[in-house]
Structure formats: structure tokens, C-alpha cells
């Protein structure tokens, strides 16, 4: 498959992080779901009091972002593979 090796570039990673910002704690997003980092869903529903007090490390944020990007890239590659 010609696009098999394609992935988000370092510049794309940086642009995404700068645009979204990294929140180093849990918070309730606009839909009242517990979220942290760069829009990472911790769980549906509001954060508990304990979660709201819990810090999140930049390493955790980066790890979750990397996993989300891997998942998205896999979905795009799978969809492109069906477009022959």
C-alpha cells in the first residue's frame, strides 16, 4: 500500500500540541465528561473531587496523545486500504 509509511510529522505533532494546549490536571469538558491533557477522555461523566485534585504529568499527556494519534492513523490507513 503506497501510504503505509505515512504518519503525522514532527511539525504536525508540534502544531497540534500548540493549538490544543496541554492541561496538566483533570477537568470537566464542555459535555461534562472528565478529561485531561489534550482532550483525552478519562471517563464519561463529571470528574470526582479526587480526580480534580490529581495532577497529570506531561509524560502522561504525551503518551495518551501518541496513542490517540496511532489509533487515528490506523483508522485512516484502513479506510484508504478499502478505496482501491
Protein backbone atom coordinates (compact mmCIF):
# COMPACT_ATOMS: atom_id res chain seq x y z
CA UNK A 1 0.00 0.00 0.00
CA UNK A 2 1.61 3.32 -1.07
CA UNK A 3 0.66 5.28 2.07
CA UNK A 4 1.64 2.59 4.59
CA UNK A 5 4.65 4.56 5.90
CA UNK A 6 2.83 7.90 6.17
CA UNK A 7 2.45 9.34 9.66
CA UNK A 8 1.99 12.62 11.48
CA UNK A 9 5.18 14.65 11.10
CA UNK A 10 7.07 16.22 13.97
CA UNK A 11 5.82 19.60 12.73
CA UNK A 12 2.26 18.28 12.77
CA UNK A 13 2.72 16.93 16.32
CA UNK A 14 4.05 20.33 17.46
CA UNK A 15 1.27 22.25 15.74
CA UNK A 16 -1.37 20.00 17.31
CA UNK A 17 0.11 20.42 20.80
CA UNK A 18 0.40 24.20 20.41
CA UNK A 19 -3.14 24.61 19.08
CA UNK A 20 -4.75 22.39 21.69
CA UNK A 21 -2.55 23.06 24.71
CA UNK A 22 -1.80 20.52 27.43
CA UNK A 23 -3.87 20.65 30.60
CA UNK A 24 -1.92 19.02 33.42
CA UNK A 25 -4.93 18.16 35.56
CA UNK A 26 -8.36 16.60 35.22
CA UNK A 27 -11.28 18.86 34.28
CA UNK A 28 -14.87 18.59 33.11
CA UNK A 29 -15.10 19.34 29.40
CA UNK A 30 -17.96 21.19 27.71
CA UNK A 31 -20.01 17.97 27.65
CA UNK A 32 -19.38 17.41 31.40
CA UNK A 33 -17.06 14.46 30.84
CA UNK A 34 -13.87 14.01 32.84
CA UNK A 35 -10.95 14.94 30.60
CA UNK A 36 -7.22 15.74 30.87
CA UNK A 37 -4.22 16.59 28.75
CA UNK A 38 -5.01 17.38 25.16
CA UNK A 39 -8.70 16.48 25.21
CA UNK A 40 -8.16 12.91 26.45
CA UNK A 41 -11.36 11.42 27.82
CA UNK A 42 -10.72 9.89 31.25
CA UNK A 43 -14.32 8.69 31.51
CA UNK A 44 -17.85 9.74 30.74
CA UNK A 45 -19.43 11.88 33.44
CA UNK A 46 -18.04 14.56 35.68
CA UNK A 47 -14.68 14.21 37.42
CA UNK A 48 -14.69 13.24 41.07
CA UNK A 49 -13.31 15.60 43.68
CA UNK A 50 -10.24 13.37 44.00
CA UNK A 51 -9.65 13.45 40.22
CA UNK A 52 -9.90 17.24 40.17
CA UNK A 53 -7.10 17.40 42.76
CA UNK A 54 -4.88 14.91 40.94
CA UNK A 55 -2.07 16.33 38.79
CA UNK A 56 -1.23 14.82 35.42
CA UNK A 57 2.34 14.69 34.13
CA UNK A 58 3.44 15.88 30.73
CA UNK A 59 4.69 12.34 30.08
CA UNK A 60 1.16 11.00 30.66
CA UNK A 61 -0.30 13.65 28.34
CA UNK A 62 2.24 12.83 25.61
CA UNK A 63 1.65 9.10 25.99
CA UNK A 64 -2.12 9.46 25.62
CA UNK A 65 -1.72 11.82 22.67
CA UNK A 66 0.65 9.38 20.94
CA UNK A 67 -1.84 6.54 21.46
CA UNK A 68 -4.67 8.66 20.04
CA UNK A 69 -2.58 9.57 17.01
CA UNK A 70 -1.66 5.90 16.42
CA UNK A 71 -5.33 4.96 16.58
CA UNK A 72 -6.34 7.73 14.17
CA UNK A 73 -3.54 6.87 11.73
CA UNK A 74 -4.60 3.22 11.79
CA UNK A 75 -8.20 4.17 11.02
CA UNK A 76 -7.14 6.37 8.10
CA UNK A 77 -4.85 3.67 6.69
CA UNK A 78 -7.61 1.07 7.00
CA UNK A 79 -10.08 3.37 5.23
CA UNK A 80 -7.60 4.13 2.45
CA UNK A 81 -6.94 0.42 2.01
CA UNK A 82 -10.60 -0.09 1.12
CA UNK A 83 -10.53 2.59 -1.59
CA UNK A 84 -8.97 0.58 -4.39
